[in-house]
Full PDB file with SEQRES, HELIX, SHEET, SSBOND, CRYST1, ORIGX, SCALE, CONECT and MASTER records, all heavy atoms in Angstrom:
SEQRES   1 A   32  CYS VAL LEU ASP ASP ALA ALA VAL ARG GLU GLN ILE GLU          
SEQRES   2 A   32  PRO ALA ALA ALA LEU LEU ARG GLY ARG THR VAL VAL ASN          
SEQRES   3 A   32  LEU THR THR THR THR PRO                                      
HELIX    1 AA1 ASP A    5  ILE A   12  1                                   8    
HELIX    2 AA2 GLU A   13  ALA A   15  5                                   3    
HELIX    3 AA3 ALA A   16  LEU A   19  1                                   4    
CRYST1    1.000    1.000    1.000  90.00  90.00  90.00 P 1           1          
ORIGX1      1.000000  0.000000  0.000000        0.00000                         
ORIGX2      0.000000  1.000000  0.000000        0.00000                         
ORIGX3      0.000000  0.000000  1.000000        0.00000                         
SCALE1      1.000000  0.000000  0.000000        0.00000                         
SCALE2      0.000000  1.000000  0.000000        0.00000                         
SCALE3      0.000000  0.000000  1.000000        0.00000                         
ATOM      1  N   CYS A   1      95.390  98.523  98.128  1.00  0.00           N  
ATOM      2  CA  CYS A   1      96.784  98.376  97.725  1.00  0.00           C  
ATOM      3  C   CYS A   1      97.229  99.740  97.203  1.00  0.00           C  
ATOM      4  O   CYS A   1      97.231 100.001  96.003  1.00  0.00           O  
ATOM      5  CB  CYS A   1      96.920  97.293  96.661  1.00  0.00           C  
ATOM      6  SG  CYS A   1      98.634  96.879  96.265  1.00  0.00           S  
ATOM      7  N   VAL A   2      97.600 100.598  98.141  1.00  0.00           N  
ATOM      8  CA  VAL A   2      97.939 101.978  97.802  1.00  0.00           C  
ATOM      9  C   VAL A   2      99.393 102.260  98.192  1.00  0.00           C  
ATOM     10  O   VAL A   2     100.152 101.341  98.494  1.00  0.00           O  
ATOM     11  CB  VAL A   2      96.954 102.961  98.464  1.00  0.00           C  
ATOM     12  CG1 VAL A   2      95.566 102.822  97.826  1.00  0.00           C  
ATOM     13  CG2 VAL A   2      96.847 102.737  99.965  1.00  0.00           C  
ATOM     14  N   LEU A   3      99.764 103.544  98.198  1.00  0.00           N  
ATOM     15  CA  LEU A   3     101.174 103.892  98.346  1.00  0.00           C  
ATOM     16  C   LEU A   3     101.747 103.572  99.719  1.00  0.00           C  
ATOM     17  O   LEU A   3     102.805 102.955  99.843  1.00  0.00           O  
ATOM     18  CB  LEU A   3     101.367 105.385  98.043  1.00  0.00           C  
ATOM     19  CG  LEU A   3     102.791 105.920  98.176  1.00  0.00           C  
ATOM     20  CD1 LEU A   3     103.719 105.233  97.187  1.00  0.00           C  
ATOM     21  CD2 LEU A   3     102.799 107.433  97.971  1.00  0.00           C  
ATOM     22  N   ASP A   4     101.045 104.006 100.773  1.00  0.00           N  
ATOM     23  CA  ASP A   4     101.591 103.856 102.113  1.00  0.00           C  
ATOM     24  C   ASP A   4     100.480 103.960 103.149  1.00  0.00           C  
ATOM     25  O   ASP A   4      99.290 104.074 102.800  1.00  0.00           O  
ATOM     26  CB  ASP A   4     102.683 104.909 102.380  1.00  0.00           C  
ATOM     27  CG  ASP A   4     102.201 106.336 102.130  1.00  0.00           C  
ATOM     28  OD1 ASP A   4     100.964 106.573 102.108  1.00  0.00           O  
ATOM     29  OD2 ASP A   4     103.048 107.234 101.943  1.00  0.00           O  
ATOM     30  N   ASP A   5     100.858 103.924 104.416  1.00  0.00           N  
ATOM     31  CA  ASP A   5      99.877 103.965 105.500  1.00  0.00           C  
ATOM     32  C   ASP A   5      99.052 105.238 105.457  1.00  0.00           C  
ATOM     33  O   ASP A   5      97.835 105.207 105.694  1.00  0.00           O  
ATOM     34  CB  ASP A   5     100.605 103.854 106.844  1.00  0.00           C  
ATOM     35  CG  ASP A   5      99.664 103.888 108.029  1.00  0.00           C  
ATOM     36  OD1 ASP A   5      98.874 102.949 108.188  1.00  0.00           O  
ATOM     37  OD2 ASP A   5      99.704 104.889 108.793  1.00  0.00           O  
ATOM     38  N   ALA A   6      99.671 106.360 105.144  1.00  0.00           N  
ATOM     39  CA  ALA A   6      98.936 107.622 105.074  1.00  0.00           C  
ATOM     40  C   ALA A   6      97.854 107.565 104.009  1.00  0.00           C  
ATOM     41  O   ALA A   6      96.739 108.067 104.202  1.00  0.00           O  
ATOM     42  CB  ALA A   6      99.897 108.775 104.801  1.00  0.00           C  
ATOM     43  N   ALA A   7      98.156 106.947 102.869  1.00  0.00           N  
ATOM     44  CA  ALA A   7      97.168 106.822 101.796  1.00  0.00           C  
ATOM     45  C   ALA A   7      96.022 105.905 102.205  1.00  0.00           C  
ATOM     46  O   ALA A   7      94.866 106.137 101.840  1.00  0.00           O  
ATOM     47  CB  ALA A   7      97.842 106.305 100.530  1.00  0.00           C  
ATOM     48  N   VAL A   8      96.343 104.847 102.972  1.00  0.00           N  
ATOM     49  CA  VAL A   8      95.295 103.960 103.487  1.00  0.00           C  
ATOM     50  C   VAL A   8      94.340 104.752 104.365  1.00  0.00           C  
ATOM     51  O   VAL A   8      93.117 104.709 104.212  1.00  0.00           O  
ATOM     52  CB  VAL A   8      95.901 102.793 104.284  1.00  0.00           C  
ATOM     53  CG1 VAL A   8      94.798 101.988 104.985  1.00  0.00           C  
ATOM     54  CG2 VAL A   8      96.709 101.882 103.375  1.00  0.00           C  
ATOM     55  N   ARG A   9      94.915 105.500 105.301  1.00  0.00           N  
ATOM     56  CA  ARG A   9      94.099 106.290 106.235  1.00  0.00           C  
ATOM     57  C   ARG A   9      93.247 107.311 105.489  1.00  0.00           C  
ATOM     58  O   ARG A   9      92.085 107.549 105.846  1.00  0.00           O  
ATOM     59  CB  ARG A   9      95.014 107.011 107.217  1.00  0.00           C  
ATOM     60  CG  ARG A   9      95.840 106.088 108.115  1.00  0.00           C  
ATOM     61  CD  ARG A   9      95.012 105.564 109.238  1.00  0.00           C  
ATOM     62  NE  ARG A   9      95.834 104.903 110.248  1.00  0.00           N  
ATOM     63  CZ  ARG A   9      95.436 104.674 111.483  1.00  0.00           C  
ATOM     64  NH1 ARG A   9      94.230 105.070 111.875  1.00  0.00           N  
ATOM     65  NH2 ARG A   9      96.208 104.056 112.341  1.00  0.00           N  
ATOM     66  N   GLU A  10      93.835 107.912 104.477  1.00  0.00           N  
ATOM     67  CA  GLU A  10      93.115 108.933 103.713  1.00  0.00           C  
ATOM     68  C   GLU A  10      91.850 108.360 103.093  1.00  0.00           C  
ATOM     69  O   GLU A  10      90.826 109.056 102.991  1.00  0.00           O  
ATOM     70  CB  GLU A  10      94.026 109.484 102.620  1.00  0.00           C  
ATOM     71  CG  GLU A  10      93.380 110.551 101.748  1.00  0.00           C  
ATOM     72  CD  GLU A  10      94.273 110.986 100.602  1.00  0.00           C  
ATOM     73  OE1 GLU A  10      95.450 110.562 100.554  1.00  0.00           O  
ATOM     74  OE2 GLU A  10      93.784 111.749  99.742  1.00  0.00           O  
ATOM     75  N   GLN A  11      91.895 107.099 102.693  1.00  0.00           N  
ATOM     76  CA  GLN A  11      90.749 106.501 102.024  1.00  0.00           C  
ATOM     77  C   GLN A  11      89.731 105.921 102.999  1.00  0.00           C  
ATOM     78  O   GLN A  11      88.518 106.079 102.798  1.00  0.00           O  
ATOM     79  CB  GLN A  11      91.216 105.407 101.051  1.00  0.00           C  
ATOM     80  CG  GLN A  11      92.131 105.896  99.960  1.00  0.00           C  
ATOM     81  CD  GLN A  11      91.547 107.051  99.169  1.00  0.00           C  
ATOM     82  OE1 GLN A  11      90.341 107.132  98.941  1.00  0.00           O  
ATOM     83  NE2 GLN A  11      92.406 107.974  98.741  1.00  0.00           N  
ATOM     84  N   ILE A  12      90.195 105.257 104.046  1.00  0.00           N  
ATOM     85  CA  ILE A  12      89.227 104.515 104.860  1.00  0.00           C  
ATOM     86  C   ILE A  12      88.666 105.307 106.045  1.00  0.00           C  
ATOM     87  O   ILE A  12      87.527 105.061 106.452  1.00  0.00           O  
ATOM     88  CB  ILE A  12      89.812 103.170 105.347  1.00  0.00           C  
ATOM     89  CG1 ILE A  12      90.947 103.364 106.352  1.00  0.00           C  
ATOM     90  CG2 ILE A  12      90.251 102.320 104.192  1.00  0.00           C  
ATOM     91  CD1 ILE A  12      91.356 102.054 107.005  1.00  0.00           C  
ATOM     92  N   GLU A  13      89.432 106.224 106.599  1.00  0.00           N  
ATOM     93  CA  GLU A  13      88.919 106.910 107.778  1.00  0.00           C  
ATOM     94  C   GLU A  13      87.632 107.694 107.492  1.00  0.00           C  
ATOM     95  O   GLU A  13      86.687 107.631 108.286  1.00  0.00           O  
ATOM     96  CB  GLU A  13      90.000 107.791 108.395  1.00  0.00           C  
ATOM     97  CG  GLU A  13      91.083 106.973 109.095  1.00  0.00           C  
ATOM     98  CD  GLU A  13      92.117 107.831 109.801  1.00  0.00           C  
ATOM     99  OE1 GLU A  13      92.140 109.062 109.574  1.00  0.00           O  
ATOM    100  OE2 GLU A  13      92.896 107.258 110.596  1.00  0.00           O  
ATOM    101  N   PRO A  14      87.537 108.421 106.367  1.00  0.00           N  
ATOM    102  CA  PRO A  14      86.264 109.114 106.088  1.00  0.00           C  
ATOM    103  C   PRO A  14      85.118 108.141 105.778  1.00  0.00           C  
ATOM    104  O   PRO A  14      83.952 108.534 105.811  1.00  0.00           O  
ATOM    105  CB  PRO A  14      86.592 109.970 104.859  1.00  0.00           C  
ATOM    106  CG  PRO A  14      88.079 110.072 104.828  1.00  0.00           C  
ATOM    107  CD  PRO A  14      88.561 108.771 105.373  1.00  0.00           C  
ATOM    108  N   ALA A  15      85.459 106.890 105.474  1.00  0.00           N  
ATOM    109  CA  ALA A  15      84.441 105.909 105.090  1.00  0.00           C  
ATOM    110  C   ALA A  15      84.121 104.939 106.224  1.00  0.00           C  
ATOM    111  O   ALA A  15      83.593 103.849 105.994  1.00  0.00           O  
ATOM    112  CB  ALA A  15      84.913 105.134 103.866  1.00  0.00           C  
ATOM    113  N   ALA A  16      84.419 105.327 107.458  1.00  0.00           N  
ATOM    114  CA  ALA A  16      84.234 104.429 108.600  1.00  0.00           C  
ATOM    115  C   ALA A  16      82.822 103.867 108.671  1.00  0.00           C  
ATOM    116  O   ALA A  16      82.616 102.667 108.886  1.00  0.00           O  
ATOM    117  CB  ALA A  16      84.598 105.154 109.893  1.00  0.00           C  
ATOM    118  N   ALA A  17      81.826 104.731 108.487  1.00  0.00           N  
ATOM    119  CA  ALA A  17      80.435 104.272 108.585  1.00  0.00           C  
ATOM    120  C   ALA A  17      80.105 103.269 107.482  1.00  0.00           C  
ATOM    121  O   ALA A  17      79.386 102.282 107.706  1.00  0.00           O  
ATOM    122  CB  ALA A  17      79.492 105.466 108.518  1.00  0.00           C  
ATOM    123  N   LEU A  18      80.639 103.490 106.290  1.00  0.00           N  
ATOM    124  CA  LEU A  18      80.394 102.579 105.172  1.00  0.00           C  
ATOM    125  C   LEU A  18      81.045 101.218 105.395  1.00  0.00           C  
ATOM    126  O   LEU A  18      80.534 100.188 104.950  1.00  0.00           O  
ATOM    127  CB  LEU A  18      80.935 103.183 103.870  1.00  0.00           C  
ATOM    128  CG  LEU A  18      80.221 104.409 103.316  1.00  0.00           C  
ATOM    129  CD1 LEU A  18      80.996 104.954 102.119  1.00  0.00           C  
ATOM    130  CD2 LEU A  18      78.797 104.060 102.908  1.00  0.00           C  
ATOM    131  N   LEU A  19      82.179 101.208 106.074  1.00  0.00           N  
ATOM    132  CA  LEU A  19      82.952  99.982 106.250  1.00  0.00           C  
ATOM    133  C   LEU A  19      82.498  99.145 107.433  1.00  0.00           C  
ATOM    134  O   LEU A  19      82.917  97.991 107.571  1.00  0.00           O  
ATOM    135  CB  LEU A  19      84.440 100.326 106.409  1.00  0.00           C  
ATOM    136  CG  LEU A  19      85.138 100.850 105.153  1.00  0.00           C  
ATOM    137  CD1 LEU A  19      86.537 101.354 105.497  1.00  0.00           C  
ATOM    138  CD2 LEU A  19      85.202  99.772 104.076  1.00  0.00           C  
ATOM    139  N   ARG A  20      81.663  99.703 108.288  1.00  0.00           N  
ATOM    140  CA  ARG A  20      81.215  98.960 109.472  1.00  0.00           C  
ATOM    141  C   ARG A  20      80.567  97.645 109.047  1.00  0.00           C  
ATOM    142  O   ARG A  20      79.679  97.612 108.215  1.00  0.00           O  
ATOM    143  CB  ARG A  20      80.241  99.803 110.289  1.00  0.00           C  
ATOM    144  CG  ARG A  20      79.832  99.155 111.613  1.00  0.00           C  
ATOM    145  CD  ARG A  20      79.122 100.137 112.516  1.00  0.00           C  
ATOM    146  NE  ARG A  20      80.058 101.154 113.013  1.00  0.00           N  
ATOM    147  CZ  ARG A  20      80.000 102.432 112.700  1.00  0.00           C  
ATOM    148  NH1 ARG A  20      79.056 102.879 111.880  1.00  0.00           N  
ATOM    149  NH2 ARG A  20      80.877 103.295 113.194  1.00  0.00           N  
ATOM    150  N   GLY A  21      81.058  96.555 109.623  1.00  0.00           N  
ATOM    151  CA  GLY A  21      80.535  95.236 109.308  1.00  0.00           C  
ATOM    152  C   GLY A  21      81.176  94.573 108.099  1.00  0.00           C  
ATOM    153  O   GLY A  21      80.882  93.416 107.805  1.00  0.00           O  
ATOM    154  N   ARG A  22      82.050  95.279 107.419  1.00  0.00           N  
ATOM    155  CA  ARG A  22      82.723  94.712 106.249  1.00  0.00           C  
ATOM    156  C   ARG A  22      84.130  94.225 106.630  1.00  0.00           C  
ATOM    157  O   ARG A  22      84.650  94.556 107.695  1.00  0.00           O  
ATOM    158  CB  ARG A  22      82.823  95.732 105.118  1.00  0.00           C  
ATOM    159  CG  ARG A  22      81.475  96.314 104.674  1.00  0.00           C  
ATOM    160  CD  ARG A  22      81.658  97.314 103.526  1.00  0.00           C  
ATOM    161  NE  ARG A  22      80.494  98.153 103.359  1.00  0.00           N  
ATOM    162  CZ  ARG A  22      79.441  97.845 102.614  1.00  0.00           C  
ATOM    163  NH1 ARG A  22      79.425  96.699 101.960  1.00  0.00           N  
ATOM    164  NH2 ARG A  22      78.406  98.675 102.520  1.00  0.00           N  
ATOM    165  N   THR A  23      84.726  93.476 105.723  1.00  0.00           N  
ATOM    166  CA  THR A  23      86.099  93.016 105.903  1.00  0.00           C  
ATOM    167  C   THR A  23      87.018  93.824 105.004  1.00  0.00           C  
ATOM    168  O   THR A  23      86.761  93.962 103.803  1.00  0.00           O  
ATOM    169  CB  THR A  23      86.241  91.524 105.560  1.00  0.00           C  
ATOM    170  OG1 THR A  23      85.389  90.757 106.411  1.00  0.00           O  
ATOM    171  CG2 THR A  23      87.678  91.054 105.754  1.00  0.00           C  
ATOM    172  N   VAL A  24      88.087  94.356 105.584  1.00  0.00           N  
ATOM    173  CA  VAL A  24      89.091  95.107 104.834  1.00  0.00           C  
ATOM    174  C   VAL A  24      90.394  94.316 104.855  1.00  0.00           C  
ATOM    175  O   VAL A  24      90.857  93.893 105.920  1.00  0.00           O  
ATOM    176  CB  VAL A  24      89.318  96.502 105.437  1.00  0.00           C  
ATOM    177  CG1 VAL A  24      90.513  97.193 104.775  1.00  0.00           C  
ATOM    178  CG2 VAL A  24      88.062  97.359 105.286  1.00  0.00           C  
ATOM    179  N   VAL A  25      90.964  94.093 103.692  1.00  0.00           N  
ATOM    180  CA  VAL A  25      92.280  93.461 103.581  1.00  0.00           C  
ATOM    181  C   VAL A  25      93.244  94.530 103.089  1.00  0.00           C  
ATOM    182  O   VAL A  25      93.126  95.020 101.957  1.00  0.00           O  
ATOM    183  CB  VAL A  25      92.259  92.267 102.603  1.00  0.00           C  
ATOM    184  CG1 VAL A  25      93.654  91.648 102.508  1.00  0.00           C  
ATOM    185  CG2 VAL A  25      91.249  91.225 103.061  1.00  0.00           C  
ATOM    186  N   ASN A  26      94.180  94.895 103.940  1.00  0.00           N  
ATOM    187  CA  ASN A  26      95.141  95.936 103.578  1.00  0.00           C  
ATOM    188  C   ASN A  26      96.421  95.284 103.067  1.00  0.00           C  
ATOM    189  O   ASN A  26      97.185  94.710 103.839  1.00  0.00           O  
ATOM    190  CB  ASN A  26      95.447  96.830 104.782  1.00  0.00           C  
ATOM    191  CG  ASN A  26      96.377  97.974 104.404  1.00  0.00           C  
ATOM    192  OD1 ASN A  26      96.438  98.374 103.239  1.00  0.00           O  
ATOM    193  ND2 ASN A  26      97.114  98.486 105.377  1.00  0.00           N  
ATOM    194  N   LEU A  27      96.639  95.377 101.767  1.00  0.00           N  
ATOM    195  CA  LEU A  27      97.831  94.802 101.156  1.00  0.00           C  
ATOM    196  C   LEU A  27      98.862  95.879 100.816  1.00  0.00           C  
ATOM    197  O   LEU A  27      99.755  95.659 100.007  1.00  0.00           O  
ATOM    198  CB  LEU A  27      97.457  94.001  99.910  1.00  0.00           C  
ATOM    199  CG  LEU A  27      96.580  92.774 100.180  1.00  0.00           C  
ATOM    200  CD1 LEU A  27      96.256  92.049  98.880  1.00  0.00           C  
ATOM    201  CD2 LEU A  27      97.266  91.829 101.166  1.00  0.00           C  
ATOM    202  N   THR A  28      98.727  97.020 101.462  1.00  0.00           N  
ATOM    203  CA  THR A  28      99.706  98.104 101.347  1.00  0.00           C  
ATOM    204  C   THR A  28     100.886  97.796 102.247  1.00  0.00           C  
ATOM    205  O   THR A  28     100.708  97.332 103.376  1.00  0.00           O  
ATOM    206  CB  THR A  28      99.063  99.432 101.774  1.00  0.00           C  
ATOM    207  OG1 THR A  28      97.893  99.651 100.986  1.00  0.00           O  
ATOM    208  CG2 THR A  28     100.029 100.586 101.633  1.00  0.00           C  
ATOM    209  N   THR A  29     102.088  98.040 101.787  1.00  0.00           N  
ATOM    210  CA  THR A  29     103.274  97.795 102.611  1.00  0.00           C  
ATOM    211  C   THR A  29     103.357  98.838 103.720  1.00  0.00           C  
ATOM    212  O   THR A  29     103.414 100.042 103.448  1.00  0.00           O  
ATOM    213  CB  THR A  29     104.551  97.841 101.754  1.00  0.00           C  
ATOM    214  OG1 THR A  29     104.444  96.871 100.708  1.00  0.00           O  
ATOM    215  CG2 THR A  29     105.779  97.545 102.600  1.00  0.00           C  
ATOM    216  N   THR A  30     103.344  98.367 104.966  1.00  0.00           N  
ATOM    217  CA  THR A  30     103.445  99.249 106.126  1.00  0.00           C  
ATOM    218  C   THR A  30     104.372  98.624 107.155  1.00  0.00           C  
ATOM    219  O   THR A  30     104.806  97.479 107.009  1.00  0.00           O  
ATOM    220  CB  THR A  30     102.066  99.476 106.782  1.00  0.00           C  
ATOM    221  OG1 THR A  30     101.588  98.232 107.331  1.00  0.00           O  
ATOM    222  CG2 THR A  30     101.042 100.001 105.781  1.00  0.00           C  
ATOM    223  N   THR A  31     104.645  99.359 108.224  1.00  0.00           N  
ATOM    224  CA  THR A  31     105.414  98.796 109.324  1.00  0.00           C  
ATOM    225  C   THR A  31     104.467  98.001 110.227  1.00  0.00           C  
ATOM    226  O   THR A  31     103.244  98.209 110.194  1.00  0.00           O  
ATOM    227  CB  THR A  31     106.093  99.881 110.173  1.00  0.00           C  
ATOM    228  OG1 THR A  31     105.081 100.608 110.907  1.00  0.00           O  
ATOM    229  CG2 THR A  31     106.892 100.847 109.300  1.00  0.00           C  
ATOM    230  N   PRO A  32     104.996  97.105 111.055  1.00  0.00           N  
ATOM    231  CA  PRO A  32     104.134  96.362 111.979  1.00  0.00           C  
ATOM    232  C   PRO A  32     103.297  97.267 112.885  1.00  0.00           C  
ATOM    233  O   PRO A  32     102.106  97.008 113.087  1.00  0.00           O  
ATOM    234  CB  PRO A  32     105.133  95.514 112.785  1.00  0.00           C  
ATOM    235  CG  PRO A  32     106.273  95.305 111.835  1.00  0.00           C  
ATOM    236  CD  PRO A  32     106.391  96.593 111.080  1.00  0.00           C  
TER     237      PRO A  32                                                      
MASTER        0    0    0    3    0    0    0    6  236    1    0    3          
END                                                                             
């Protein structure tokens, strides 16, 4: 639950390997 789509990407893209197999719920307001 961060500022915007860019902030989401900033956090999760470098952590791709860590997130593999996990569930991410993005409650950040973004466009469709």
